[in-house]
Amino acid sequence: MSGGGLYDPGLQPERTELAWRRTGLAIGVGSLLALRMFPPLAHGGAELAASLVPGILGLAFAAWLVVNARGRYRRWNRALLEGRREHSPGGRLLFAVTVFVMLSAAVGGLVIAVSLTR
């Protein structure tokens, strides 16, 4: 290893990647629950199609999150093993998850509110 011992022997990159993987899994499970719960609230037609959108988008986001976290882990682990210094990846994943959760809560609440008014 070159670069003066940058590599973290405490396996921090692996722990971080596993945490992102668990977050993606939780979002995926929540999306499956949305696919199970929202369609019965719909009254057919366009409402039924609209009730499937949050769950499908959630599953796609969960898959994107897991893939992105894995790529981030590989880049950082390679840099640490090679002793290279890299810039922090920033808060893109955290920002994306925050926006997704806020929009999901809003859409979920809207779906439930509309279904209860009928």
PDB file of N, CA and C in Angstrom:
ATOM      1  N   MET A   1       0.847  -1.180   0.000  1.00  0.00           N
ATOM      2  CA  MET A   1       0.000   0.000   0.000  1.00  0.00           C
ATOM      3  C   MET A   1       0.888   1.237   0.000  1.00  0.00           C
ATOM      4  N   SER A   2       0.629   2.131  -0.904  1.00  0.00           N
ATOM      5  CA  SER A   2       1.390   3.373  -0.954  1.00  0.00           C
ATOM      6  C   SER A   2       0.526   4.502  -0.428  1.00  0.00           C
ATOM      7  N   GLY A   3       1.149   5.585  -0.036  1.00  0.00           N
ATOM      8  CA  GLY A   3       0.381   6.747   0.359  1.00  0.00           C
ATOM      9  C   GLY A   3       0.321   6.985   1.852  1.00  0.00           C
ATOM     10  N   GLY A   4       0.992   6.177   2.660  1.00  0.00           N
ATOM     11  CA  GLY A   4       1.091   6.489   4.076  1.00  0.00           C
ATOM     12  C   GLY A   4      -0.068   6.020   4.932  1.00  0.00           C
ATOM     13  N   GLY A   5      -0.702   4.922   4.602  1.00  0.00           N
ATOM     14  CA  GLY A   5      -1.684   4.335   5.501  1.00  0.00           C
ATOM     15  C   GLY A   5      -3.044   4.998   5.520  1.00  0.00           C
ATOM     16  N   LEU A   6      -3.577   5.321   4.367  1.00  0.00           N
ATOM     17  CA  LEU A   6      -4.912   5.913   4.326  1.00  0.00           C
ATOM     18  C   LEU A   6      -6.018   4.902   4.587  1.00  0.00           C
ATOM     19  N   TYR A   7      -5.757   3.636   4.318  1.00  0.00           N
ATOM     20  CA  TYR A   7      -6.824   2.631   4.378  1.00  0.00           C
ATOM     21  C   TYR A   7      -7.327   2.447   5.798  1.00  0.00           C
ATOM     22  N   ASP A   8      -8.626   2.382   5.956  1.00  0.00           N
ATOM     23  CA  ASP A   8      -9.274   2.250   7.258  1.00  0.00           C
ATOM     24  C   ASP A   8      -9.398   0.780   7.626  1.00  0.00           C
ATOM     25  N   PRO A   9      -8.658   0.307   8.610  1.00  0.00           N
ATOM     26  CA  PRO A   9      -8.747  -1.102   8.974  1.00  0.00           C
ATOM     27  C   PRO A   9     -10.068  -1.451   9.650  1.00  0.00           C
ATOM     28  N   GLY A  10     -10.868  -0.457  10.013  1.00  0.00           N
ATOM     29  CA  GLY A  10     -12.150  -0.709  10.653  1.00  0.00           C
ATOM     30  C   GLY A  10     -13.269  -1.000   9.676  1.00  0.00           C
ATOM     31  N   LEU A  11     -12.942  -1.115   8.415  1.00  0.00           N
ATOM     32  CA  LEU A  11     -13.902  -1.472   7.362  1.00  0.00           C
ATOM     33  C   LEU A  11     -15.043  -0.464   7.229  1.00  0.00           C
ATOM     34  N   GLN A  12     -14.750   0.807   7.425  1.00  0.00           N
ATOM     35  CA  GLN A  12     -15.774   1.833   7.328  1.00  0.00           C
ATOM     36  C   GLN A  12     -16.456   1.885   5.965  1.00  0.00           C
ATOM     37  N   PRO A  13     -15.726   1.751   4.847  1.00  0.00           N
ATOM     38  CA  PRO A  13     -16.435   1.774   3.562  1.00  0.00           C
ATOM     39  C   PRO A  13     -17.456   0.639   3.432  1.00  0.00           C
ATOM     40  N   GLU A  14     -17.114  -0.533   3.958  1.00  0.00           N
ATOM     41  CA  GLU A  14     -18.061  -1.660   3.890  1.00  0.00           C
ATOM     42  C   GLU A  14     -19.289  -1.393   4.753  1.00  0.00           C
ATOM     43  N   ARG A  15     -19.082  -0.829   5.925  1.00  0.00           N
ATOM     44  CA  ARG A  15     -20.222  -0.528   6.799  1.00  0.00           C
ATOM     45  C   ARG A  15     -21.135   0.501   6.161  1.00  0.00           C
ATOM     46  N   THR A  16     -20.532   1.498   5.521  1.00  0.00           N
ATOM     47  CA  THR A  16     -21.332   2.533   4.871  1.00  0.00           C
ATOM     48  C   THR A  16     -22.131   1.951   3.708  1.00  0.00           C
ATOM     49  N   GLU A  17     -21.493   1.113   2.911  1.00  0.00           N
ATOM     50  CA  GLU A  17     -22.192   0.500   1.779  1.00  0.00           C
ATOM     51  C   GLU A  17     -23.324  -0.400   2.270  1.00  0.00           C
ATOM     52  N   LEU A  18     -23.096  -1.136   3.330  1.00  0.00           N
ATOM     53  CA  LEU A  18     -24.158  -1.981   3.884  1.00  0.00           C
ATOM     54  C   LEU A  18     -25.315  -1.142   4.428  1.00  0.00           C
ATOM     55  N   ALA A  19     -25.014   0.002   5.009  1.00  0.00           N
ATOM     56  CA  ALA A  19     -26.073   0.886   5.493  1.00  0.00           C
ATOM     57  C   ALA A  19     -26.924   1.407   4.337  1.00  0.00           C
ATOM     58  N   TRP A  20     -26.265   1.787   3.222  1.00  0.00           N
ATOM     59  CA  TRP A  20     -27.018   2.242   2.054  1.00  0.00           C
ATOM     60  C   TRP A  20     -27.835   1.091   1.468  1.00  0.00           C
ATOM     61  N   ARG A  21     -27.274  -0.108   1.503  1.00  0.00           N
ATOM     62  CA  ARG A  21     -28.008  -1.275   0.998  1.00  0.00           C
ATOM     63  C   ARG A  21     -29.260  -1.526   1.846  1.00  0.00           C
ATOM     64  N   ARG A  22     -29.132  -1.406   3.163  1.00  0.00           N
ATOM     65  CA  ARG A  22     -30.299  -1.573   4.045  1.00  0.00           C
ATOM     66  C   ARG A  22     -31.336  -0.487   3.778  1.00  0.00           C
ATOM     67  N   THR A  23     -30.880   0.734   3.517  1.00  0.00           N
ATOM     68  CA  THR A  23     -31.808   1.822   3.196  1.00  0.00           C
ATOM     69  C   THR A  23     -32.564   1.504   1.910  1.00  0.00           C
ATOM     70  N   GLY A  24     -31.837   1.017   0.889  1.00  0.00           N
ATOM     71  CA  GLY A  24     -32.492   0.627  -0.359  1.00  0.00           C
ATOM     72  C   GLY A  24     -33.488  -0.497  -0.151  1.00  0.00           C
ATOM     73  N   LEU A  25     -33.128  -1.462   0.691  1.00  0.00           N
ATOM     74  CA  LEU A  25     -34.039  -2.569   0.987  1.00  0.00           C
ATOM     75  C   LEU A  25     -35.298  -2.073   1.688  1.00  0.00           C
ATOM     76  N   ALA A  26     -35.143  -1.164   2.637  1.00  0.00           N
ATOM     77  CA  ALA A  26     -36.298  -0.608   3.343  1.00  0.00           C
ATOM     78  C   ALA A  26     -37.211   0.156   2.386  1.00  0.00           C
ATOM     79  N   ILE A  27     -36.627   0.918   1.473  1.00  0.00           N
ATOM     80  CA  ILE A  27     -37.432   1.643   0.487  1.00  0.00           C
ATOM     81  C   ILE A  27     -38.135   0.659  -0.436  1.00  0.00           C
ATOM     82  N   GLY A  28     -37.442  -0.407  -0.822  1.00  0.00           N
ATOM     83  CA  GLY A  28     -38.059  -1.428  -1.670  1.00  0.00           C
ATOM     84  C   GLY A  28     -39.231  -2.104  -0.982  1.00  0.00           C
ATOM     85  N   VAL A  29     -39.083  -2.433   0.287  1.00  0.00           N
ATOM     86  CA  VAL A  29     -40.172  -3.069   1.033  1.00  0.00           C
ATOM     87  C   VAL A  29     -41.350  -2.108   1.166  1.00  0.00           C
ATOM     88  N   GLY A  30     -41.059  -0.852   1.471  1.00  0.00           N
ATOM     89  CA  GLY A  30     -42.132   0.142   1.547  1.00  0.00           C
ATOM     90  C   GLY A  30     -42.854   0.312   0.212  1.00  0.00           C
ATOM     91  N   SER A  31     -42.113   0.220  -0.870  1.00  0.00           N
ATOM     92  CA  SER A  31     -42.716   0.340  -2.205  1.00  0.00           C
ATOM     93  C   SER A  31     -43.593  -0.868  -2.515  1.00  0.00           C
ATOM     94  N   LEU A  32     -43.154  -2.051  -2.102  1.00  0.00           N
ATOM     95  CA  LEU A  32     -43.991  -3.239  -2.284  1.00  0.00           C
ATOM     96  C   LEU A  32     -45.282  -3.126  -1.472  1.00  0.00           C
ATOM     97  N   LEU A  33     -45.170  -2.569  -0.271  1.00  0.00           N
ATOM     98  CA  LEU A  33     -46.377  -2.352   0.530  1.00  0.00           C
ATOM     99  C   LEU A  33     -47.304  -1.350  -0.153  1.00  0.00           C
ATOM    100  N   ALA A  34     -46.743  -0.326  -0.754  1.00  0.00           N
ATOM    101  CA  ALA A  34     -47.570   0.644  -1.482  1.00  0.00           C
ATOM    102  C   ALA A  34     -48.278  -0.027  -2.653  1.00  0.00           C
ATOM    103  N   LEU A  35     -47.561  -0.916  -3.347  1.00  0.00           N
ATOM    104  CA  LEU A  35     -48.197  -1.648  -4.454  1.00  0.00           C
ATOM    105  C   LEU A  35     -49.320  -2.548  -3.957  1.00  0.00           C
ATOM    106  N   ARG A  36     -49.211  -3.006  -2.745  1.00  0.00           N
ATOM    107  CA  ARG A  36     -50.236  -3.883  -2.172  1.00  0.00           C
ATOM    108  C   ARG A  36     -51.420  -3.087  -1.619  1.00  0.00           C
ATOM    109  N   MET A  37     -51.146  -1.914  -1.037  1.00  0.00           N
ATOM    110  CA  MET A  37     -52.198  -1.175  -0.342  1.00  0.00           C
ATOM    111  C   MET A  37     -52.941  -0.166  -1.203  1.00  0.00           C
ATOM    112  N   PHE A  38     -52.245   0.501  -2.133  1.00  0.00           N
ATOM    113  CA  PHE A  38     -52.894   1.578  -2.875  1.00  0.00           C
ATOM    114  C   PHE A  38     -53.914   1.117  -3.921  1.00  0.00           C
ATOM    115  N   PRO A  39     -53.654   0.073  -4.718  1.00  0.00           N
ATOM    116  CA  PRO A  39     -54.653  -0.306  -5.730  1.00  0.00           C
ATOM    117  C   PRO A  39     -56.049  -0.609  -5.185  1.00  0.00           C
ATOM    118  N   PRO A  40     -56.206  -1.267  -4.037  1.00  0.00           N
ATOM    119  CA  PRO A  40     -57.573  -1.470  -3.542  1.00  0.00           C
ATOM    120  C   PRO A  40     -58.296  -0.165  -3.192  1.00  0.00           C
ATOM    121  N   LEU A  41     -57.545   0.900  -2.958  1.00  0.00           N
ATOM    122  CA  LEU A  41     -58.167   2.188  -2.659  1.00  0.00           C
ATOM    123  C   LEU A  41     -58.680   2.882  -3.914  1.00  0.00           C
ATOM    124  N   ALA A  42     -58.163   2.467  -5.063  1.00  0.00           N
ATOM    125  CA  ALA A  42     -58.547   3.103  -6.329  1.00  0.00           C
ATOM    126  C   ALA A  42     -59.923   2.617  -6.761  1.00  0.00           C
ATOM    127  N   HIS A  43     -60.564   3.434  -7.584  1.00  0.00           N
ATOM    128  CA  HIS A  43     -61.895   3.100  -8.069  1.00  0.00           C
ATOM    129  C   HIS A  43     -61.884   2.798  -9.558  1.00  0.00           C
ATOM    130  N   GLY A  44     -60.811   2.123 -10.025  1.00  0.00           N
ATOM    131  CA  GLY A  44     -60.723   1.683 -11.415  1.00  0.00           C
ATOM    132  C   GLY A  44     -60.138   2.730 -12.347  1.00  0.00           C
ATOM    133  N   GLY A  45     -59.846   2.289 -13.563  1.00  0.00           N
ATOM    134  CA  GLY A  45     -59.378   3.167 -14.630  1.00  0.00           C
ATOM    135  C   GLY A  45     -58.075   3.875 -14.333  1.00  0.00           C
ATOM    136  N   ALA A  46     -58.106   5.190 -14.562  1.00  0.00           N
ATOM    137  CA  ALA A  46     -56.902   6.001 -14.388  1.00  0.00           C
ATOM    138  C   ALA A  46     -56.457   6.028 -12.937  1.00  0.00           C
ATOM    139  N   GLU A  47     -57.402   5.960 -12.002  1.00  0.00           N
ATOM    140  CA  GLU A  47     -57.044   5.942 -10.583  1.00  0.00           C
ATOM    141  C   GLU A  47     -56.224   4.698 -10.244  1.00  0.00           C
ATOM    142  N   LEU A  48     -56.592   3.581 -10.840  1.00  0.00           N
ATOM    143  CA  LEU A  48     -55.853   2.341 -10.587  1.00  0.00           C
ATOM    144  C   LEU A  48     -54.428   2.460 -11.114  1.00  0.00           C
ATOM    145  N   ALA A  49     -54.276   2.990 -12.309  1.00  0.00           N
ATOM    146  CA  ALA A  49     -52.937   3.171 -12.876  1.00  0.00           C
ATOM    147  C   ALA A  49     -52.122   4.145 -12.028  1.00  0.00           C
ATOM    148  N   ALA A  50     -52.751   5.229 -11.596  1.00  0.00           N
ATOM    149  CA  ALA A  50     -52.048   6.211 -10.769  1.00  0.00           C
ATOM    150  C   ALA A  50     -51.656   5.631  -9.416  1.00  0.00           C
ATOM    151  N   SER A  51     -52.438   4.699  -8.903  1.00  0.00           N
ATOM    152  CA  SER A  51     -52.118   4.115  -7.603  1.00  0.00           C
ATOM    153  C   SER A  51     -50.912   3.183  -7.675  1.00  0.00           C
ATOM    154  N   LEU A  52     -50.573   2.707  -8.867  1.00  0.00           N
ATOM    155  CA  LEU A  52     -49.414   1.833  -9.034  1.00  0.00           C
ATOM    156  C   LEU A  52     -48.107   2.618  -9.174  1.00  0.00           C
ATOM    157  N   VAL A  53     -48.203   3.865  -9.591  1.00  0.00           N
ATOM    158  CA  VAL A  53     -47.014   4.675  -9.875  1.00  0.00           C
ATOM    159  C   VAL A  53     -46.087   4.824  -8.665  1.00  0.00           C
ATOM    160  N   PRO A  54     -46.584   5.171  -7.462  1.00  0.00           N
ATOM    161  CA  PRO A  54     -45.649   5.337  -6.338  1.00  0.00           C
ATOM    162  C   PRO A  54     -44.846   4.069  -6.030  1.00  0.00           C
ATOM    163  N   GLY A  55     -45.479   2.926  -6.069  1.00  0.00           N
ATOM    164  CA  GLY A  55     -44.777   1.684  -5.774  1.00  0.00           C
ATOM    165  C   GLY A  55     -43.737   1.334  -6.824  1.00  0.00           C
ATOM    166  N   ILE A  56     -44.091   1.525  -8.085  1.00  0.00           N
ATOM    167  CA  ILE A  56     -43.157   1.216  -9.167  1.00  0.00           C
ATOM    168  C   ILE A  56     -41.964   2.174  -9.134  1.00  0.00           C
ATOM    169  N   LEU A  57     -42.238   3.465  -8.933  1.00  0.00           N
ATOM    170  CA  LEU A  57     -41.145   4.434  -8.833  1.00  0.00           C
ATOM    171  C   LEU A  57     -40.264   4.144  -7.614  1.00  0.00           C
ATOM    172  N   GLY A  58     -40.890   3.727  -6.526  1.00  0.00           N
ATOM    173  CA  GLY A  58     -40.132   3.393  -5.327  1.00  0.00           C
ATOM    174  C   GLY A  58     -39.208   2.206  -5.542  1.00  0.00           C
ATOM    175  N   LEU A  59     -39.691   1.186  -6.242  1.00  0.00           N
ATOM    176  CA  LEU A  59     -38.838   0.031  -6.539  1.00  0.00           C
ATOM    177  C   LEU A  59     -37.674   0.424  -7.442  1.00  0.00           C
ATOM    178  N   ALA A  60     -37.957   1.274  -8.418  1.00  0.00           N
ATOM    179  CA  ALA A  60     -36.884   1.741  -9.302  1.00  0.00           C
ATOM    180  C   ALA A  60     -35.865   2.569  -8.525  1.00  0.00           C
ATOM    181  N   PHE A  61     -36.340   3.426  -7.624  1.00  0.00           N
ATOM    182  CA  PHE A  61     -35.425   4.231  -6.827  1.00  0.00           C
ATOM    183  C   PHE A  61     -34.589   3.355  -5.903  1.00  0.00           C
ATOM    184  N   ALA A  62     -35.200   2.349  -5.296  1.00  0.00           N
ATOM    185  CA  ALA A  62     -34.462   1.442  -4.410  1.00  0.00           C
ATOM    186  C   ALA A  62     -33.354   0.727  -5.177  1.00  0.00           C
ATOM    187  N   ALA A  63     -33.657   0.269  -6.383  1.00  0.00           N
ATOM    188  CA  ALA A  63     -32.640  -0.400  -7.201  1.00  0.00           C
ATOM    189  C   ALA A  63     -31.523   0.584  -7.562  1.00  0.00           C
ATOM    190  N   TRP A  64     -31.883   1.806  -7.946  1.00  0.00           N
ATOM    191  CA  TRP A  64     -30.878   2.817  -8.260  1.00  0.00           C
ATOM    192  C   TRP A  64     -29.987   3.102  -7.062  1.00  0.00           C
ATOM    193  N   LEU A  65     -30.591   3.190  -5.884  1.00  0.00           N
ATOM    194  CA  LEU A  65     -29.841   3.492  -4.672  1.00  0.00           C
ATOM    195  C   LEU A  65     -28.822   2.394  -4.357  1.00  0.00           C
ATOM    196  N   VAL A  66     -29.237   1.138  -4.457  1.00  0.00           N
ATOM    197  CA  VAL A  66     -28.327   0.023  -4.163  1.00  0.00           C
ATOM    198  C   VAL A  66     -27.181  -0.015  -5.175  1.00  0.00           C
ATOM    199  N   VAL A  67     -27.491   0.160  -6.452  1.00  0.00           N
ATOM    200  CA  VAL A  67     -26.449   0.145  -7.483  1.00  0.00           C
ATOM    201  C   VAL A  67     -25.488   1.316  -7.294  1.00  0.00           C
ATOM    202  N   ASN A  68     -26.019   2.497  -7.014  1.00  0.00           N
ATOM    203  CA  ASN A  68     -25.183   3.674  -6.826  1.00  0.00           C
ATOM    204  C   ASN A  68     -24.301   3.533  -5.587  1.00  0.00           C
ATOM    205  N   ALA A  69     -24.843   2.990  -4.516  1.00  0.00           N
ATOM    206  CA  ALA A  69     -24.058   2.788  -3.294  1.00  0.00           C
ATOM    207  C   ALA A  69     -22.939   1.781  -3.529  1.00  0.00           C
ATOM    208  N   ARG A  70     -23.211   0.746  -4.308  1.00  0.00           N
ATOM    209  CA  ARG A  70     -22.187  -0.258  -4.601  1.00  0.00           C
ATOM    210  C   ARG A  70     -21.053   0.348  -5.426  1.00  0.00           C
ATOM    211  N   GLY A  71     -21.393   1.151  -6.423  1.00  0.00           N
ATOM    212  CA  GLY A  71     -20.369   1.817  -7.225  1.00  0.00           C
ATOM    213  C   GLY A  71     -19.544   2.776  -6.396  1.00  0.00           C
ATOM    214  N   ARG A  72     -20.191   3.485  -5.497  1.00  0.00           N
ATOM    215  CA  ARG A  72     -19.484   4.412  -4.609  1.00  0.00           C
ATOM    216  C   ARG A  72     -18.513   3.646  -3.707  1.00  0.00           C
ATOM    217  N   TYR A  73     -18.955   2.520  -3.182  1.00  0.00           N
ATOM    218  CA  TYR A  73     -18.083   1.695  -2.337  1.00  0.00           C
ATOM    219  C   TYR A  73     -16.858   1.222  -3.122  1.00  0.00           C
ATOM    220  N   ARG A  74     -17.088   0.741  -4.325  1.00  0.00           N
ATOM    221  CA  ARG A  74     -15.964   0.235  -5.127  1.00  0.00           C
ATOM    222  C   ARG A  74     -14.944   1.332  -5.413  1.00  0.00           C
ATOM    223  N   ARG A  75     -15.410   2.530  -5.773  1.00  0.00           N
ATOM    224  CA  ARG A  75     -14.496   3.644  -6.037  1.00  0.00           C
ATOM    225  C   ARG A  75     -13.679   4.003  -4.805  1.00  0.00           C
ATOM    226  N   TRP A  76     -14.344   4.140  -3.661  1.00  0.00           N
ATOM    227  CA  TRP A  76     -13.652   4.538  -2.441  1.00  0.00           C
ATOM    228  C   TRP A  76     -12.722   3.450  -1.941  1.00  0.00           C
ATOM    229  N   ASN A  77     -13.156   2.210  -2.020  1.00  0.00           N
ATOM    230  CA  ASN A  77     -12.299   1.122  -1.557  1.00  0.00           C
ATOM    231  C   ASN A  77     -11.045   1.021  -2.423  1.00  0.00           C
ATOM    232  N   ARG A  78     -11.205   1.156  -3.731  1.00  0.00           N
ATOM    233  CA  ARG A  78     -10.055   1.120  -4.633  1.00  0.00           C
ATOM    234  C   ARG A  78      -9.093   2.275  -4.325  1.00  0.00           C
ATOM    235  N   ALA A  79      -9.642   3.453  -4.100  1.00  0.00           N
ATOM    236  CA  ALA A  79      -8.792   4.611  -3.776  1.00  0.00           C
ATOM    237  C   ALA A  79      -8.050   4.390  -2.464  1.00  0.00           C
ATOM    238  N   LEU A  80      -8.715   3.829  -1.477  1.00  0.00           N
ATOM    239  CA  LEU A  80      -8.058   3.584  -0.193  1.00  0.00           C
ATOM    240  C   LEU A  80      -6.966   2.526  -0.329  1.00  0.00           C
ATOM    241  N   LEU A  81      -7.257   1.469  -1.083  1.00  0.00           N
ATOM    242  CA  LEU A  81      -6.248   0.415  -1.264  1.00  0.00           C
ATOM    243  C   LEU A  81      -5.024   0.918  -2.019  1.00  0.00           C
ATOM    244  N   GLU A  82      -5.251   1.825  -2.959  1.00  0.00           N
ATOM    245  CA  GLU A  82      -4.144   2.364  -3.747  1.00  0.00           C
ATOM    246  C   GLU A  82      -3.479   3.561  -3.066  1.00  0.00           C
ATOM    247  N   GLY A  83      -4.016   3.996  -1.947  1.00  0.00           N
ATOM    248  CA  GLY A  83      -3.436   5.111  -1.221  1.00  0.00           C
ATOM    249  C   GLY A  83      -3.685   6.464  -1.852  1.00  0.00           C
ATOM    250  N   ARG A  84      -4.673   6.557  -2.716  1.00  0.00           N
ATOM    251  CA  ARG A  84      -5.000   7.840  -3.362  1.00  0.00           C
ATOM    252  C   ARG A  84      -5.935   8.642  -2.482  1.00  0.00           C
ATOM    253  N   ARG A  85      -5.785   9.931  -2.563  1.00  0.00           N
ATOM    254  CA  ARG A  85      -6.719  10.825  -1.873  1.00  0.00           C
ATOM    255  C   ARG A  85      -7.765  11.274  -2.886  1.00  0.00           C
ATOM    256  N   GLU A  86      -9.012  11.149  -2.511  1.00  0.00           N
ATOM    257  CA  GLU A  86     -10.095  11.578  -3.388  1.00  0.00           C
ATOM    258  C   GLU A  86     -11.004  12.520  -2.616  1.00  0.00           C
ATOM    259  N   HIS A  87     -11.724  13.303  -3.368  1.00  0.00           N
ATOM    260  CA  HIS A  87     -12.690  14.197  -2.752  1.00  0.00           C
ATOM    261  C   HIS A  87     -13.847  13.376  -2.208  1.00  0.00           C
ATOM    262  N   SER A  88     -14.461  13.899  -1.191  1.00  0.00           N
ATOM    263  CA  SER A  88     -15.631  13.256  -0.606  1.00  0.00           C
ATOM    264  C   SER A  88     -16.729  13.157  -1.670  1.00  0.00           C
ATOM    265  N   PRO A  89     -17.487  12.054  -1.675  1.00  0.00           N
ATOM    266  CA  PRO A  89     -18.552  11.930  -2.672  1.00  0.00           C
ATOM    267  C   PRO A  89     -19.694  12.908  -2.442  1.00  0.00           C
ATOM    268  N   GLY A  90     -19.678  13.592  -1.329  1.00  0.00           N
ATOM    269  CA  GLY A  90     -20.718  14.571  -1.074  1.00  0.00           C
ATOM    270  C   GLY A  90     -21.999  13.932  -0.577  1.00  0.00           C
ATOM    271  N   GLY A  91     -23.042  14.705  -0.606  1.00  0.00           N
ATOM    272  CA  GLY A  91     -24.301  14.243  -0.048  1.00  0.00           C
ATOM    273  C   GLY A  91     -25.363  13.937  -1.077  1.00  0.00           C
ATOM    274  N   ARG A  92     -24.944  13.542  -2.299  1.00  0.00           N
ATOM    275  CA  ARG A  92     -25.940  13.287  -3.345  1.00  0.00           C
ATOM    276  C   ARG A  92     -26.911  12.184  -2.962  1.00  0.00           C
ATOM    277  N   LEU A  93     -26.395  11.067  -2.431  1.00  0.00           N
ATOM    278  CA  LEU A  93     -27.287   9.958  -2.061  1.00  0.00           C
ATOM    279  C   LEU A  93     -28.237  10.383  -0.945  1.00  0.00           C
ATOM    280  N   LEU A  94     -27.707  11.061   0.047  1.00  0.00           N
ATOM    281  CA  LEU A  94     -28.538  11.512   1.155  1.00  0.00           C
ATOM    282  C   LEU A  94     -29.604  12.489   0.678  1.00  0.00           C
ATOM    283  N   PHE A  95     -29.230  13.402  -0.203  1.00  0.00           N
ATOM    284  CA  PHE A  95     -30.197  14.358  -0.748  1.00  0.00           C
ATOM    285  C   PHE A  95     -31.265  13.630  -1.553  1.00  0.00           C
ATOM    286  N   ALA A  96     -30.848  12.664  -2.382  1.00  0.00           N
ATOM    287  CA  ALA A  96     -31.811  11.912  -3.194  1.00  0.00           C
ATOM    288  C   ALA A  96     -32.796  11.146  -2.311  1.00  0.00           C
ATOM    289  N   VAL A  97     -32.305  10.523  -1.258  1.00  0.00           N
ATOM    290  CA  VAL A  97     -33.185   9.781  -0.352  1.00  0.00           C
ATOM    291  C   VAL A  97     -34.145  10.738   0.353  1.00  0.00           C
ATOM    292  N   THR A  98     -33.649  11.886   0.784  1.00  0.00           N
ATOM    293  CA  THR A  98     -34.500  12.860   1.462  1.00  0.00           C
ATOM    294  C   THR A  98     -35.620  13.344   0.548  1.00  0.00           C
ATOM    295  N   VAL A  99     -35.274  13.682  -0.679  1.00  0.00           N
ATOM    296  CA  VAL A  99     -36.294  14.142  -1.634  1.00  0.00           C
ATOM    297  C   VAL A  99     -37.293  13.027  -1.919  1.00  0.00           C
ATOM    298  N   PHE A 100     -36.793  11.807  -2.107  1.00  0.00           N
ATOM    299  CA  PHE A 100     -37.683  10.684  -2.384  1.00  0.00           C
ATOM    300  C   PHE A 100     -38.656  10.448  -1.230  1.00  0.00           C
ATOM    301  N   VAL A 101     -38.153  10.456  -0.009  1.00  0.00           N
ATOM    302  CA  VAL A 101     -39.016  10.196   1.150  1.00  0.00           C
ATOM    303  C   VAL A 101     -40.067  11.296   1.289  1.00  0.00           C
ATOM    304  N   MET A 102     -39.672  12.532   1.098  1.00  0.00           N
ATOM    305  CA  MET A 102     -40.637  13.630   1.209  1.00  0.00           C
ATOM    306  C   MET A 102     -41.715  13.535   0.132  1.00  0.00           C
ATOM    307  N   LEU A 103     -41.297  13.263  -1.108  1.00  0.00           N
ATOM    308  CA  LEU A 103     -42.282  13.129  -2.182  1.00  0.00           C
ATOM    309  C   LEU A 103     -43.173  11.907  -1.985  1.00  0.00           C
ATOM    310  N   SER A 104     -42.596  10.829  -1.498  1.00  0.00           N
ATOM    311  CA  SER A 104     -43.389   9.613  -1.246  1.00  0.00           C
ATOM    312  C   SER A 104     -44.442   9.852  -0.176  1.00  0.00           C
ATOM    313  N   ALA A 105     -44.053  10.542   0.877  1.00  0.00           N
ATOM    314  CA  ALA A 105     -45.015  10.847   1.935  1.00  0.00           C
ATOM    315  C   ALA A 105     -46.139  11.736   1.398  1.00  0.00           C
ATOM    316  N   ALA A 106     -45.787  12.707   0.574  1.00  0.00           N
ATOM    317  CA  ALA A 106     -46.799  13.606   0.013  1.00  0.00           C
ATOM    318  C   ALA A 106     -47.744  12.856  -0.925  1.00  0.00           C
ATOM    319  N   VAL A 107     -47.180  12.048  -1.815  1.00  0.00           N
ATOM    320  CA  VAL A 107     -48.009  11.306  -2.776  1.00  0.00           C
ATOM    321  C   VAL A 107     -48.848  10.266  -2.050  1.00  0.00           C
ATOM    322  N   GLY A 108     -48.255   9.562  -1.099  1.00  0.00           N
ATOM    323  CA  GLY A 108     -49.011   8.571  -0.337  1.00  0.00           C
ATOM    324  C   GLY A 108     -50.167   9.197   0.416  1.00  0.00           C
ATOM    325  N   GLY A 109     -49.908  10.328   1.048  1.00  0.00           N
ATOM    326  CA  GLY A 109     -50.976  11.026   1.746  1.00  0.00           C
ATOM    327  C   GLY A 109     -52.061  11.500   0.802  1.00  0.00           C
ATOM    328  N   LEU A 110     -51.656  11.960  -0.369  1.00  0.00           N
ATOM    329  CA  LEU A 110     -52.624  12.406  -1.370  1.00  0.00           C
ATOM    330  C   LEU A 110     -53.494  11.252  -1.861  1.00  0.00           C
ATOM    331  N   VAL A 111     -52.858  10.110  -2.124  1.00  0.00           N
ATOM    332  CA  VAL A 111     -53.618   8.934  -2.580  1.00  0.00           C
ATOM    333  C   VAL A 111     -54.639   8.523  -1.525  1.00  0.00           C
ATOM    334  N   ILE A 112     -54.216   8.489  -0.282  1.00  0.00           N
ATOM    335  CA  ILE A 112     -55.134   8.094   0.792  1.00  0.00           C
ATOM    336  C   ILE A 112     -56.234   9.132   0.972  1.00  0.00           C
ATOM    337  N   ALA A 113     -55.889  10.414   0.941  1.00  0.00           N
ATOM    338  CA  ALA A 113     -56.891  11.461   1.111  1.00  0.00           C
ATOM    339  C   ALA A 113     -57.932  11.427  -0.003  1.00  0.00           C
ATOM    340  N   VAL A 114     -57.488  11.254  -1.230  1.00  0.00           N
ATOM    341  CA  VAL A 114     -58.424  11.207  -2.365  1.00  0.00           C
ATOM    342  C   VAL A 114     -59.324   9.966  -2.262  1.00  0.00           C
ATOM    343  N   SER A 115     -58.740   8.846  -1.855  1.00  0.00           N
ATOM    344  CA  SER A 115     -59.543   7.618  -1.763  1.00  0.00           C
ATOM    345  C   SER A 115     -60.568   7.703  -0.642  1.00  0.00           C
ATOM    346  N   LEU A 116     -60.288   8.444   0.415  1.00  0.00           N
ATOM    347  CA  LEU A 116     -61.231   8.562   1.517  1.00  0.00           C
ATOM    348  C   LEU A 116     -62.363   9.535   1.211  1.00  0.00           C
ATOM    349  N   THR A 117     -62.162  10.446   0.265  1.00  0.00           N
ATOM    350  CA  THR A 117     -63.200  11.418  -0.061  1.00  0.00           C
ATOM    351  C   THR A 117     -64.241  10.849  -1.017  1.00  0.00           C
ATOM    352  N   ARG A 118     -63.990   9.698  -1.556  1.00  0.00           N
ATOM    353  CA  ARG A 118     -64.952   9.112  -2.515  1.00  0.00           C
ATOM    354  C   ARG A 118     -65.907   8.201  -1.847  1.00  0.00           C
TER     355      ARG A 118
END
